[in-house]
Amino acid sequence: MREVGIQDDTIRLGQLLKLAGLVEHGAEAKALLEEEQVEVNGAVETRRGKQLAPGDEIVLGGEAVRVVRD
């Protein structure tokens, strides 16, 4: 599992997907979320604005990342 650092206390899921390089554009993130292809902490997530904090784990297409504090 790869770690992705954030500077603030939280980050929105759509922003994290871009920061982690899992998607290139917000529209791509939106489509993947609508297709229920993203999991947050083991549960399917469909909200691009879902707030994530350090310790949260995201899985997309077999790639997993964990949010950590920079």
C-alpha atoms as a PDB file:
ATOM      1  CA  MET A   1       0.000   0.000   0.000  1.00  0.00           C
ATOM      2  CA  ARG A   2       1.327   3.386  -1.030  1.00  0.00           C
ATOM      3  CA  GLU A   3       1.093   6.393   1.283  1.00  0.00           C
ATOM      4  CA  VAL A   4      -0.119   9.802   0.093  1.00  0.00           C
ATOM      5  CA  GLY A   5       0.702  12.776   2.307  1.00  0.00           C
ATOM      6  CA  ILE A   6      -1.608  15.723   2.909  1.00  0.00           C
ATOM      7  CA  GLN A   7      -0.838  19.010   4.639  1.00  0.00           C
ATOM      8  CA  ASP A   8      -4.306  19.791   6.005  1.00  0.00           C
ATOM      9  CA  ASP A   9      -6.401  17.775   8.448  1.00  0.00           C
ATOM     10  CA  THR A  10      -8.701  16.479   5.684  1.00  0.00           C
ATOM     11  CA  ILE A  11      -8.923  16.193   1.910  1.00  0.00           C
ATOM     12  CA  ARG A  12     -11.849  15.461  -0.387  1.00  0.00           C
ATOM     13  CA  LEU A  13     -11.871  12.080  -2.085  1.00  0.00           C
ATOM     14  CA  GLY A  14     -11.853  13.550  -5.608  1.00  0.00           C
ATOM     15  CA  GLN A  15      -8.807  15.667  -4.751  1.00  0.00           C
ATOM     16  CA  LEU A  16      -6.996  12.706  -3.228  1.00  0.00           C
ATOM     17  CA  LEU A  17      -7.598  10.547  -6.294  1.00  0.00           C
ATOM     18  CA  LYS A  18      -5.914  13.228  -8.411  1.00  0.00           C
ATOM     19  CA  LEU A  19      -3.105  13.827  -5.893  1.00  0.00           C
ATOM     20  CA  ALA A  20      -2.356  10.091  -5.756  1.00  0.00           C
ATOM     21  CA  GLY A  21      -2.287   9.881  -9.554  1.00  0.00           C
ATOM     22  CA  LEU A  22      -5.171   7.413  -9.663  1.00  0.00           C
ATOM     23  CA  VAL A  23      -7.104   9.714 -12.016  1.00  0.00           C
ATOM     24  CA  GLU A  24      -6.095  12.617 -14.232  1.00  0.00           C
ATOM     25  CA  HIS A  25      -9.237  14.744 -14.091  1.00  0.00           C
ATOM     26  CA  GLY A  26     -12.167  15.373 -11.794  1.00  0.00           C
ATOM     27  CA  ALA A  27     -14.540  14.078 -14.463  1.00  0.00           C
ATOM     28  CA  GLU A  28     -12.719  10.747 -14.461  1.00  0.00           C
ATOM     29  CA  ALA A  29     -13.018  10.561 -10.661  1.00  0.00           C
ATOM     30  CA  LYS A  30     -16.733  11.350 -10.875  1.00  0.00           C
ATOM     31  CA  ALA A  31     -17.327   8.584 -13.419  1.00  0.00           C
ATOM     32  CA  LEU A  32     -15.414   5.974 -11.395  1.00  0.00           C
ATOM     33  CA  LEU A  33     -17.315   6.918  -8.240  1.00  0.00           C
ATOM     34  CA  GLU A  34     -20.659   6.695 -10.044  1.00  0.00           C
ATOM     35  CA  GLU A  35     -19.650   3.224 -11.281  1.00  0.00           C
ATOM     36  CA  GLU A  36     -18.933   2.240  -7.644  1.00  0.00           C
ATOM     37  CA  GLN A  37     -15.298   1.386  -8.397  1.00  0.00           C
ATOM     38  CA  VAL A  38     -13.801   3.224  -5.394  1.00  0.00           C
ATOM     39  CA  GLU A  39     -13.620   1.872  -1.849  1.00  0.00           C
ATOM     40  CA  VAL A  40     -12.861   3.892   1.265  1.00  0.00           C
ATOM     41  CA  ASN A  41     -11.962   1.887   4.357  1.00  0.00           C
ATOM     42  CA  GLY A  42     -13.429  -1.262   2.802  1.00  0.00           C
ATOM     43  CA  ALA A  43     -16.784   0.230   1.756  1.00  0.00           C
ATOM     44  CA  VAL A  44     -17.887   1.420  -1.690  1.00  0.00           C
ATOM     45  CA  GLU A  45     -17.954   5.224  -1.849  1.00  0.00           C
ATOM     46  CA  THR A  46     -19.830   7.287  -4.440  1.00  0.00           C
ATOM     47  CA  ARG A  47     -19.329  10.822  -3.082  1.00  0.00           C
ATOM     48  CA  ARG A  48     -16.498  12.815  -4.643  1.00  0.00           C
ATOM     49  CA  GLY A  49     -16.670  15.275  -1.733  1.00  0.00           C
ATOM     50  CA  LYS A  50     -16.246  12.606   0.975  1.00  0.00           C
ATOM     51  CA  GLN A  51     -13.827  14.006   3.575  1.00  0.00           C
ATOM     52  CA  LEU A  52     -10.771  11.845   4.192  1.00  0.00           C
ATOM     53  CA  ALA A  53      -8.346  12.084   7.096  1.00  0.00           C
ATOM     54  CA  PRO A  54      -4.974  10.502   7.858  1.00  0.00           C
ATOM     55  CA  GLY A  55      -5.387   6.751   8.293  1.00  0.00           C
ATOM     56  CA  ASP A  56      -8.125   6.384   5.675  1.00  0.00           C
ATOM     57  CA  GLU A  57      -7.464   3.750   3.002  1.00  0.00           C
ATOM     58  CA  ILE A  58      -8.650   4.051  -0.605  1.00  0.00           C
ATOM     59  CA  VAL A  59      -8.734   1.256  -3.194  1.00  0.00           C
ATOM     60  CA  LEU A  60      -9.266   1.790  -6.921  1.00  0.00           C
ATOM     61  CA  GLY A  61      -8.635  -0.817  -9.587  1.00  0.00           C
ATOM     62  CA  GLY A  62      -6.439  -2.974  -7.403  1.00  0.00           C
ATOM     63  CA  GLU A  63      -4.265  -0.070  -6.283  1.00  0.00           C
ATOM     64  CA  ALA A  64      -4.436   0.908  -2.618  1.00  0.00           C
ATOM     65  CA  VAL A  65      -3.326   4.156  -0.966  1.00  0.00           C
ATOM     66  CA  ARG A  66      -3.360   5.347   2.638  1.00  0.00           C
ATOM     67  CA  VAL A  67      -3.762   8.982   3.629  1.00  0.00           C
ATOM     68  CA  VAL A  68      -0.958  10.209   5.909  1.00  0.00           C
ATOM     69  CA  ARG A  69      -0.107  13.604   7.349  1.00  0.00           C
ATOM     70  CA  ASP A  70       2.888  15.387   5.774  1.00  0.00           C
END
